[in-house]
Amino acid sequence: MANTFSKSERICSQIVIDDLFKKGKILKSFPFLVRYLPYSFNKGAKVQIVISVPKRKVKKAVDRNRLKRQIREVYRLNKKNLLEKFEEKEEGLALFLIYTGPEKAQYQDLEKKLKLLLHQLENLGS
């Protein structure tokens, strides 16, 4: 399995995003908040994700974009176990990852916390 982050792994449907906020459950691990929902996707990957860095928390677009790039990279490198858990199941998983921390964050801190969240999500898939 290649360490890629393709279009099929991203949630593009407003309907899925609305369902995530209406019916989804929440996991928190500062500086992240994850809304997740078991979901059956018609096509594409079994696990799909949206990454959000709110303007209210991080004012400058440059900083928001940098954080999103760093979070995408951490997810791309550490998603393997989560994908393996959901490949054998019929139902997939929709994720909405929201960054709630300070403006400047170290890559190592992001990696440590996101790995923890992904591990918790793997255990939900069991």
N, C-alpha and C. Protein backbone atom coordinates (compact mmCIF):
# COMPACT_ATOMS: atom_id res chain seq x y z
N MET A 1 0.85 -1.19 0.00
CA MET A 1 0.00 0.00 0.00
C MET A 1 0.89 1.24 0.00
N ALA A 2 0.64 2.11 -0.92
CA ALA A 2 1.43 3.33 -1.04
C ALA A 2 0.97 4.37 -0.03
N ASN A 3 1.91 5.19 0.41
CA ASN A 3 1.59 6.28 1.32
C ASN A 3 1.15 7.49 0.52
N THR A 4 -0.05 7.42 -0.02
CA THR A 4 -0.57 8.54 -0.79
C THR A 4 -1.79 9.11 -0.08
N PHE A 5 -2.20 10.27 -0.52
CA PHE A 5 -3.42 10.89 0.01
C PHE A 5 -4.19 11.42 -1.19
N SER A 6 -4.97 10.53 -1.80
CA SER A 6 -5.63 10.85 -3.06
C SER A 6 -6.98 11.51 -2.85
N LYS A 7 -7.55 11.95 -3.93
CA LYS A 7 -8.86 12.61 -3.92
C LYS A 7 -9.94 11.68 -3.36
N SER A 8 -9.83 10.38 -3.61
CA SER A 8 -10.84 9.44 -3.13
C SER A 8 -10.83 9.30 -1.61
N GLU A 9 -9.78 9.76 -0.95
CA GLU A 9 -9.69 9.69 0.51
C GLU A 9 -10.20 10.96 1.19
N ARG A 10 -10.65 11.92 0.40
CA ARG A 10 -11.15 13.18 0.95
C ARG A 10 -12.66 13.23 0.82
N ILE A 11 -13.30 13.80 1.80
CA ILE A 11 -14.75 13.97 1.74
C ILE A 11 -15.05 15.23 0.94
N CYS A 12 -15.79 15.06 -0.13
CA CYS A 12 -16.14 16.19 -0.99
C CYS A 12 -17.64 16.48 -0.94
N SER A 13 -18.40 15.59 -0.34
CA SER A 13 -19.85 15.71 -0.34
C SER A 13 -20.34 16.51 0.87
N GLN A 14 -21.12 17.54 0.60
CA GLN A 14 -21.69 18.35 1.68
C GLN A 14 -22.68 17.52 2.51
N ILE A 15 -23.31 16.53 1.90
CA ILE A 15 -24.27 15.66 2.60
C ILE A 15 -23.54 14.86 3.67
N VAL A 16 -22.39 14.31 3.34
CA VAL A 16 -21.61 13.54 4.31
C VAL A 16 -21.14 14.44 5.44
N ILE A 17 -20.70 15.64 5.12
CA ILE A 17 -20.24 16.59 6.16
C ILE A 17 -21.40 16.96 7.08
N ASP A 18 -22.57 17.21 6.51
CA ASP A 18 -23.74 17.52 7.34
C ASP A 18 -24.09 16.36 8.26
N ASP A 19 -24.04 15.13 7.73
CA ASP A 19 -24.31 13.95 8.57
C ASP A 19 -23.30 13.83 9.69
N LEU A 20 -22.04 14.15 9.40
CA LEU A 20 -21.01 14.09 10.44
C LEU A 20 -21.34 15.02 11.60
N PHE A 21 -21.82 16.22 11.30
CA PHE A 21 -22.12 17.18 12.36
C PHE A 21 -23.45 16.88 13.05
N LYS A 22 -24.38 16.24 12.36
CA LYS A 22 -25.67 15.91 12.98
C LYS A 22 -25.59 14.63 13.81
N LYS A 23 -24.99 13.58 13.24
CA LYS A 23 -25.04 12.26 13.86
C LYS A 23 -23.70 11.77 14.39
N GLY A 24 -22.62 12.46 14.05
CA GLY A 24 -21.29 11.97 14.39
C GLY A 24 -20.95 12.05 15.86
N LYS A 25 -20.01 11.21 16.26
CA LYS A 25 -19.50 11.21 17.63
C LYS A 25 -18.19 11.98 17.66
N ILE A 26 -17.76 12.36 18.86
CA ILE A 26 -16.59 13.22 19.01
C ILE A 26 -15.50 12.53 19.82
N LEU A 27 -14.27 12.68 19.38
CA LEU A 27 -13.08 12.31 20.14
C LEU A 27 -12.22 13.56 20.26
N LYS A 28 -11.65 13.79 21.44
CA LYS A 28 -10.80 14.95 21.65
C LYS A 28 -9.44 14.52 22.15
N SER A 29 -8.43 15.15 21.62
CA SER A 29 -7.08 15.01 22.10
C SER A 29 -6.38 16.31 21.70
N PHE A 30 -6.22 17.21 22.66
CA PHE A 30 -5.69 18.53 22.34
C PHE A 30 -4.41 18.39 21.56
N PRO A 31 -4.25 19.05 20.46
CA PRO A 31 -4.99 20.15 19.86
C PRO A 31 -5.98 19.73 18.77
N PHE A 32 -6.49 18.51 18.83
CA PHE A 32 -7.41 18.03 17.80
C PHE A 32 -8.77 17.68 18.37
N LEU A 33 -9.77 17.85 17.54
CA LEU A 33 -11.12 17.37 17.81
C LEU A 33 -11.53 16.61 16.56
N VAL A 34 -12.00 15.38 16.72
CA VAL A 34 -12.38 14.56 15.58
C VAL A 34 -13.84 14.20 15.69
N ARG A 35 -14.59 14.50 14.65
CA ARG A 35 -15.96 14.00 14.52
C ARG A 35 -15.89 12.82 13.58
N TYR A 36 -16.47 11.69 13.99
CA TYR A 36 -16.42 10.50 13.16
C TYR A 36 -17.79 9.85 13.09
N LEU A 37 -18.00 9.13 12.01
CA LEU A 37 -19.29 8.48 11.77
C LEU A 37 -19.05 7.28 10.87
N PRO A 38 -19.50 6.09 11.29
CA PRO A 38 -19.46 4.95 10.36
C PRO A 38 -20.34 5.29 9.16
N TYR A 39 -19.81 5.09 7.96
CA TYR A 39 -20.51 5.55 6.77
C TYR A 39 -20.21 4.61 5.61
N SER A 40 -21.20 4.34 4.79
CA SER A 40 -21.01 3.50 3.60
C SER A 40 -20.84 4.40 2.39
N PHE A 41 -19.64 4.41 1.86
CA PHE A 41 -19.36 5.22 0.68
C PHE A 41 -19.64 4.41 -0.57
N ASN A 42 -20.19 5.06 -1.60
CA ASN A 42 -20.50 4.37 -2.84
C ASN A 42 -19.24 3.93 -3.58
N LYS A 43 -18.25 4.80 -3.60
CA LYS A 43 -17.00 4.48 -4.28
C LYS A 43 -15.86 5.18 -3.55
N GLY A 44 -14.65 4.77 -3.90
CA GLY A 44 -13.49 5.39 -3.28
C GLY A 44 -13.02 4.64 -2.06
N ALA A 45 -12.28 5.30 -1.21
CA ALA A 45 -11.66 4.69 -0.04
C ALA A 45 -12.70 4.39 1.04
N LYS A 46 -12.36 3.45 1.91
CA LYS A 46 -13.23 3.11 3.04
C LYS A 46 -13.19 4.16 4.14
N VAL A 47 -12.07 4.87 4.26
CA VAL A 47 -11.92 5.93 5.26
C VAL A 47 -11.69 7.23 4.51
N GLN A 48 -12.57 8.20 4.77
CA GLN A 48 -12.43 9.50 4.13
C GLN A 48 -12.36 10.57 5.21
N ILE A 49 -11.66 11.66 4.91
CA ILE A 49 -11.36 12.67 5.93
C ILE A 49 -11.43 14.08 5.36
N VAL A 50 -11.76 15.02 6.24
CA VAL A 50 -11.67 16.45 5.97
C VAL A 50 -10.79 17.03 7.07
N ILE A 51 -9.87 17.90 6.71
CA ILE A 51 -8.99 18.55 7.69
C ILE A 51 -9.31 20.03 7.71
N SER A 52 -9.56 20.56 8.91
CA SER A 52 -9.96 21.95 9.05
C SER A 52 -9.11 22.65 10.11
N VAL A 53 -8.67 23.86 9.77
CA VAL A 53 -7.98 24.72 10.73
C VAL A 53 -8.78 26.02 10.74
N PRO A 54 -9.55 26.27 11.81
CA PRO A 54 -10.43 27.44 11.84
C PRO A 54 -9.69 28.77 11.85
N LYS A 55 -10.27 29.73 11.16
CA LYS A 55 -9.72 31.08 11.10
C LYS A 55 -9.76 31.75 12.48
N ARG A 56 -10.71 31.36 13.28
CA ARG A 56 -10.84 31.93 14.63
C ARG A 56 -9.62 31.60 15.49
N LYS A 57 -9.06 30.41 15.29
CA LYS A 57 -7.89 29.99 16.08
C LYS A 57 -6.57 30.45 15.47
N VAL A 58 -6.48 30.37 14.15
CA VAL A 58 -5.23 30.71 13.45
C VAL A 58 -5.57 31.79 12.44
N LYS A 59 -5.17 33.01 12.73
CA LYS A 59 -5.61 34.18 11.96
C LYS A 59 -5.02 34.25 10.55
N LYS A 60 -3.74 33.99 10.42
CA LYS A 60 -3.07 34.18 9.14
C LYS A 60 -3.25 32.96 8.23
N ALA A 61 -3.62 33.21 6.98
CA ALA A 61 -3.84 32.14 6.02
C ALA A 61 -2.57 31.32 5.79
N VAL A 62 -1.43 31.98 5.83
CA VAL A 62 -0.16 31.28 5.65
C VAL A 62 0.02 30.23 6.74
N ASP A 63 -0.28 30.61 7.97
CA ASP A 63 -0.15 29.67 9.10
C ASP A 63 -1.19 28.56 9.03
N ARG A 64 -2.43 28.90 8.64
CA ARG A 64 -3.48 27.88 8.50
C ARG A 64 -3.10 26.85 7.44
N ASN A 65 -2.60 27.33 6.30
CA ASN A 65 -2.22 26.42 5.22
C ASN A 65 -1.05 25.54 5.62
N ARG A 66 -0.10 26.11 6.34
CA ARG A 66 1.05 25.33 6.80
C ARG A 66 0.60 24.22 7.75
N LEU A 67 -0.28 24.56 8.69
CA LEU A 67 -0.80 23.55 9.62
C LEU A 67 -1.56 22.45 8.88
N LYS A 68 -2.37 22.84 7.91
CA LYS A 68 -3.11 21.82 7.15
C LYS A 68 -2.16 20.91 6.39
N ARG A 69 -1.11 21.45 5.81
CA ARG A 69 -0.13 20.63 5.11
C ARG A 69 0.56 19.67 6.07
N GLN A 70 0.92 20.16 7.25
CA GLN A 70 1.58 19.31 8.24
C GLN A 70 0.64 18.20 8.73
N ILE A 71 -0.60 18.54 8.98
CA ILE A 71 -1.57 17.54 9.46
C ILE A 71 -1.82 16.50 8.37
N ARG A 72 -1.97 16.93 7.12
CA ARG A 72 -2.15 15.99 6.01
C ARG A 72 -0.98 15.02 5.91
N GLU A 73 0.22 15.55 6.09
CA GLU A 73 1.41 14.72 6.00
C GLU A 73 1.46 13.70 7.13
N VAL A 74 1.14 14.12 8.35
CA VAL A 74 1.12 13.19 9.47
C VAL A 74 0.06 12.10 9.23
N TYR A 75 -1.12 12.49 8.77
CA TYR A 75 -2.17 11.52 8.48
C TYR A 75 -1.73 10.56 7.38
N ARG A 76 -1.15 11.09 6.32
CA ARG A 76 -0.71 10.27 5.18
C ARG A 76 0.29 9.20 5.62
N LEU A 77 1.19 9.56 6.50
CA LEU A 77 2.23 8.62 6.94
C LEU A 77 1.75 7.62 7.98
N ASN A 78 0.65 7.92 8.68
CA ASN A 78 0.22 7.08 9.80
C ASN A 78 -1.17 6.48 9.65
N LYS A 79 -1.75 6.51 8.47
CA LYS A 79 -3.11 6.03 8.28
C LYS A 79 -3.19 4.53 8.01
N LYS A 80 -2.07 3.88 7.80
CA LYS A 80 -2.05 2.49 7.33
C LYS A 80 -2.85 1.54 8.23
N ASN A 81 -2.62 1.59 9.53
CA ASN A 81 -3.32 0.67 10.45
C ASN A 81 -4.82 0.93 10.47
N LEU A 82 -5.21 2.19 10.41
CA LEU A 82 -6.63 2.55 10.40
C LEU A 82 -7.30 2.00 9.14
N LEU A 83 -6.65 2.15 8.00
CA LEU A 83 -7.21 1.65 6.75
C LEU A 83 -7.34 0.14 6.75
N GLU A 84 -6.35 -0.54 7.33
CA GLU A 84 -6.39 -2.00 7.39
C GLU A 84 -7.57 -2.49 8.23
N LYS A 85 -7.90 -1.77 9.31
CA LYS A 85 -9.03 -2.16 10.16
C LYS A 85 -10.35 -2.10 9.41
N PHE A 86 -10.48 -1.09 8.53
CA PHE A 86 -11.75 -0.87 7.86
C PHE A 86 -11.83 -1.51 6.47
N GLU A 87 -10.73 -2.05 5.95
CA GLU A 87 -10.77 -2.69 4.63
C GLU A 87 -11.63 -3.96 4.65
N GLU A 88 -11.56 -4.72 5.73
CA GLU A 88 -12.31 -5.97 5.78
C GLU A 88 -13.78 -5.76 6.14
N LYS A 89 -14.15 -4.58 6.59
CA LYS A 89 -15.53 -4.30 6.97
C LYS A 89 -16.31 -3.77 5.79
N GLU A 90 -17.63 -3.95 5.86
CA GLU A 90 -18.49 -3.41 4.81
C GLU A 90 -18.62 -1.90 4.93
N GLU A 91 -18.69 -1.41 6.17
CA GLU A 91 -18.91 0.01 6.41
C GLU A 91 -17.58 0.73 6.56
N GLY A 92 -17.50 1.93 6.04
CA GLY A 92 -16.30 2.74 6.15
C GLY A 92 -16.40 3.71 7.31
N LEU A 93 -15.55 4.73 7.27
CA LEU A 93 -15.50 5.71 8.34
C LEU A 93 -15.30 7.10 7.73
N ALA A 94 -16.15 8.03 8.14
CA ALA A 94 -16.02 9.43 7.73
C ALA A 94 -15.43 10.20 8.90
N LEU A 95 -14.40 10.99 8.64
CA LEU A 95 -13.72 11.75 9.69
C LEU A 95 -13.70 13.23 9.35
N PHE A 96 -13.92 14.06 10.36
CA PHE A 96 -13.76 15.51 10.22
C PHE A 96 -12.79 15.92 11.31
N LEU A 97 -11.56 16.24 10.93
CA LEU A 97 -10.49 16.56 11.86
C LEU A 97 -10.37 18.08 11.98
N ILE A 98 -10.55 18.59 13.19
CA ILE A 98 -10.51 20.03 13.43
C ILE A 98 -9.33 20.33 14.36
N TYR A 99 -8.49 21.25 13.95
CA TYR A 99 -7.36 21.69 14.76
C TYR A 99 -7.85 22.80 15.69
N THR A 100 -7.64 22.64 16.99
CA THR A 100 -8.14 23.62 17.96
C THR A 100 -7.02 24.24 18.80
N GLY A 101 -5.78 24.03 18.40
CA GLY A 101 -4.65 24.48 19.20
C GLY A 101 -4.20 25.89 18.89
N PRO A 102 -3.04 26.25 19.40
CA PRO A 102 -2.49 27.59 19.18
C PRO A 102 -2.01 27.76 17.75
N GLU A 103 -1.64 29.00 17.42
CA GLU A 103 -1.24 29.31 16.04
C GLU A 103 0.01 28.55 15.61
N LYS A 104 1.00 28.51 16.45
CA LYS A 104 2.25 27.82 16.10
C LYS A 104 2.29 26.48 16.82
N ALA A 105 2.52 25.44 16.06
CA ALA A 105 2.63 24.10 16.65
C ALA A 105 3.80 23.37 16.01
N GLN A 106 4.50 22.61 16.79
CA GLN A 106 5.62 21.82 16.29
C GLN A 106 5.11 20.56 15.60
N TYR A 107 5.79 20.15 14.54
CA TYR A 107 5.41 18.96 13.79
C TYR A 107 5.39 17.73 14.70
N GLN A 108 6.36 17.62 15.59
CA GLN A 108 6.46 16.45 16.47
C GLN A 108 5.24 16.37 17.39
N ASP A 109 4.76 17.50 17.88
CA ASP A 109 3.58 17.50 18.74
C ASP A 109 2.33 17.09 17.96
N LEU A 110 2.20 17.61 16.75
CA LEU A 110 1.07 17.23 15.90
C LEU A 110 1.09 15.74 15.62
N GLU A 111 2.27 15.23 15.32
CA GLU A 111 2.41 13.81 15.00
C GLU A 111 2.03 12.93 16.18
N LYS A 112 2.52 13.28 17.37
CA LYS A 112 2.26 12.49 18.56
C LYS A 112 0.76 12.44 18.87
N LYS A 113 0.09 13.58 18.83
CA LYS A 113 -1.33 13.64 19.17
C LYS A 113 -2.20 12.98 18.10
N LEU A 114 -1.85 13.17 16.85
CA LEU A 114 -2.66 12.56 15.78
C LEU A 114 -2.49 11.05 15.76
N LYS A 115 -1.30 10.56 16.07
CA LYS A 115 -1.11 9.11 16.18
C LYS A 115 -1.99 8.54 17.29
N LEU A 116 -2.09 9.26 18.40
CA LEU A 116 -2.93 8.83 19.51
C LEU A 116 -4.40 8.75 19.08
N LEU A 117 -4.86 9.77 18.37
CA LEU A 117 -6.25 9.77 17.88
C LEU A 117 -6.50 8.66 16.88
N LEU A 118 -5.58 8.44 15.97
CA LEU A 118 -5.75 7.38 14.98
C LEU A 118 -5.79 6.02 15.66
N HIS A 119 -4.99 5.85 16.69
CA HIS A 119 -5.00 4.59 17.45
C HIS A 119 -6.36 4.39 18.13
N GLN A 120 -6.92 5.45 18.69
CA GLN A 120 -8.25 5.36 19.32
C GLN A 120 -9.31 5.00 18.27
N LEU A 121 -9.20 5.57 17.09
CA LEU A 121 -10.15 5.25 16.02
C LEU A 121 -9.99 3.82 15.53
N GLU A 122 -8.76 3.31 15.52
CA GLU A 122 -8.53 1.89 15.16
C GLU A 122 -9.26 0.99 16.14
N ASN A 123 -9.20 1.32 17.42
CA ASN A 123 -9.86 0.50 18.43
C ASN A 123 -11.37 0.53 18.29
N LEU A 124 -11.92 1.63 17.77
CA LEU A 124 -13.35 1.69 17.51
C LEU A 124 -13.73 0.74 16.40
N GLY A 125 -12.83 0.55 15.45
CA GLY A 125 -13.09 -0.32 14.32
C GLY A 125 -13.05 -1.79 14.67
N SER A 126 -12.56 -2.13 15.85
CA SER A 126 -12.45 -3.53 16.26
C SER A 126 -13.77 -4.16 16.60
